[in-house]
């Protein structure tokens, strides 16, 4: 059984409440229940933090023992050299995920410090972006 972890960054704890026109009305907890039921052949762990250093610490913790990391660093994608460096430093492959199409949004969201060291990038498919990432492992 593959062991994956989804790591979500700032404000993703507000899914279902925050800008439903962009992010939908389903909470991440509800979505996580759906995918863990659907993907019974995969162990899926979950971590969310609004704090950059905690995300880096989690990447260090799981980055040598998991089969894959699905990372939605949210706004930190575009600002955190530290998270980008953490992805580069670990052995576990990382798929960068975004719910929205970041290229359809403000120009500053077009830059990613994670993409250069990610296995791949999936964006713009809503919560289904996470399922596509699971399938990529």
Protein backbone atom coordinates (compact mmCIF):
# COMPACT_ATOMS: atom_id res chain seq x y z
CA UNK A 1 0.00 0.00 0.00
CA UNK A 2 1.38 3.39 -0.99
CA UNK A 3 1.69 6.01 1.71
CA UNK A 4 0.93 9.58 0.61
CA UNK A 5 0.48 12.81 2.49
CA UNK A 6 -1.42 15.91 1.47
CA UNK A 7 0.12 19.07 2.87
CA UNK A 8 -1.99 22.21 2.60
CA UNK A 9 -0.82 25.74 3.28
CA UNK A 10 -2.41 28.94 4.52
CA UNK A 11 -6.14 29.58 4.42
CA UNK A 12 -6.97 26.14 3.02
CA UNK A 13 -8.49 25.33 6.40
CA UNK A 14 -11.28 27.69 5.28
CA UNK A 15 -12.32 25.64 2.24
CA UNK A 16 -16.08 25.51 2.00
CA UNK A 17 -16.32 28.98 3.54
CA UNK A 18 -13.67 31.02 1.73
CA UNK A 19 -14.54 32.38 -1.73
CA UNK A 20 -16.75 29.46 -2.78
CA UNK A 21 -16.87 30.88 -6.32
CA UNK A 22 -13.14 30.00 -6.60
CA UNK A 23 -12.69 27.14 -4.12
CA UNK A 24 -16.11 25.48 -3.97
CA UNK A 25 -18.42 24.79 -1.04
CA UNK A 26 -16.95 21.49 0.19
CA UNK A 27 -14.71 21.60 3.25
CA UNK A 28 -11.38 19.83 2.95
CA UNK A 29 -12.38 17.45 5.74
CA UNK A 30 -15.43 16.40 3.72
CA UNK A 31 -13.29 15.98 0.61
CA UNK A 32 -10.67 13.99 2.54
CA UNK A 33 -13.40 11.61 3.74
CA UNK A 34 -14.46 11.10 0.12
CA UNK A 35 -11.00 10.35 -1.24
CA UNK A 36 -9.95 8.06 1.61
CA UNK A 37 -13.11 6.05 0.95
CA UNK A 38 -12.47 6.04 -2.80
CA UNK A 39 -8.73 5.23 -2.72
CA UNK A 40 -8.68 2.30 -0.29
CA UNK A 41 -5.42 1.02 -1.79
CA UNK A 42 -3.58 4.19 -0.67
CA UNK A 43 -2.88 5.39 2.86
CA UNK A 44 -3.52 9.14 2.82
CA UNK A 45 -2.32 11.32 5.67
CA UNK A 46 -3.16 15.00 5.93
CA UNK A 47 -1.49 18.10 7.36
CA UNK A 48 -2.49 21.76 7.13
CA UNK A 49 -0.77 24.81 8.53
CA UNK A 50 -0.95 28.55 8.10
CA UNK A 51 2.67 28.78 9.25
CA UNK A 52 5.52 28.51 6.75
CA UNK A 53 8.02 26.93 9.17
CA UNK A 54 5.56 24.20 10.15
CA UNK A 55 5.13 23.26 6.49
CA UNK A 56 8.92 23.08 6.08
CA UNK A 57 9.20 20.97 9.24
CA UNK A 58 6.54 18.57 7.94
CA UNK A 59 8.31 18.23 4.58
CA UNK A 60 11.53 17.39 6.45
CA UNK A 61 9.68 14.88 8.64
CA UNK A 62 7.97 12.93 5.82
CA UNK A 63 10.33 13.63 2.94
CA UNK A 64 12.41 10.50 3.36
CA UNK A 65 9.78 7.93 4.35
CA UNK A 66 6.59 8.51 2.32
CA UNK A 67 5.90 7.33 -1.23
CA UNK A 68 4.63 10.74 -2.29
CA UNK A 69 3.72 14.23 -1.15
CA UNK A 70 0.87 16.28 -2.56
CA UNK A 71 1.64 19.89 -1.72
CA UNK A 72 -0.67 22.85 -2.02
CA UNK A 73 1.45 25.54 -0.41
CA UNK A 74 -1.24 28.10 -1.36
CA UNK A 75 0.12 31.67 -1.24
CA UNK A 76 3.51 30.40 -0.01
CA UNK A 77 3.96 28.83 -3.45
CA UNK A 78 4.68 32.31 -4.80
CA UNK A 79 6.69 33.71 -1.89
CA UNK A 80 8.56 30.97 -0.02
CA UNK A 81 12.08 30.21 -1.11
CA UNK A 82 12.28 28.14 2.09
CA UNK A 83 9.49 25.74 1.05
CA UNK A 84 11.00 25.49 -2.41
CA UNK A 85 14.38 24.63 -0.86
CA UNK A 86 12.74 22.02 1.42
CA UNK A 87 11.16 20.31 -1.61
CA UNK A 88 14.58 20.25 -3.28
CA UNK A 89 16.25 18.83 -0.15
CA UNK A 90 14.02 15.79 0.37
CA UNK A 91 13.95 12.47 -1.48
CA UNK A 92 10.19 11.88 -1.68
CA UNK A 93 8.63 13.13 -4.90
CA UNK A 94 6.30 16.11 -4.58
CA UNK A 95 3.36 16.97 -6.81
CA UNK A 96 2.42 20.64 -6.59
CA UNK A 97 -1.35 21.12 -6.59
CA UNK A 98 -3.62 24.15 -6.82
CA UNK A 99 -7.40 24.22 -6.77
CA UNK A 100 -7.65 27.25 -9.02
CA UNK A 101 -5.82 27.99 -12.25
CA UNK A 102 -3.13 30.27 -10.86
CA UNK A 103 -2.41 31.59 -14.35
CA UNK A 104 -5.98 32.89 -14.50
CA UNK A 105 -5.39 35.02 -11.43
CA UNK A 106 -3.14 37.87 -10.31
CA UNK A 107 0.25 37.99 -12.02
CA UNK A 108 2.21 37.32 -8.81
CA UNK A 109 0.53 33.88 -8.69
CA UNK A 110 2.20 32.90 -11.97
CA UNK A 111 5.56 32.33 -10.18
CA UNK A 112 6.23 29.16 -8.16
CA UNK A 113 9.24 28.41 -5.99
CA UNK A 114 8.06 24.76 -5.78
CA UNK A 115 7.59 23.85 -9.46
CA UNK A 116 11.30 23.64 -10.40
CA UNK A 117 11.77 20.75 -7.94
CA UNK A 118 8.35 19.07 -8.20
CA UNK A 119 7.57 15.82 -10.00
CA UNK A 120 4.70 17.68 -11.64
CA UNK A 121 2.15 20.47 -11.25
CA UNK A 122 -1.63 20.10 -11.38
CA UNK A 123 -3.84 23.18 -11.24
CA UNK A 124 -7.23 24.49 -12.12
CA UNK A 125 -9.35 21.35 -11.65
CA UNK A 126 -10.81 22.26 -8.28
CA UNK A 127 -10.50 19.59 -5.60
CA UNK A 128 -10.13 17.03 -8.39
CA UNK A 129 -6.55 18.34 -8.70
CA UNK A 130 -5.75 16.33 -5.56
CA UNK A 131 -7.25 13.16 -7.07
CA UNK A 132 -5.15 13.60 -10.20
CA UNK A 133 -2.10 13.91 -7.99
CA UNK A 134 -2.99 10.72 -6.10
CA UNK A 135 -3.35 8.92 -9.42
CA UNK A 136 0.10 10.15 -10.50
CA UNK A 137 1.74 8.04 -7.79
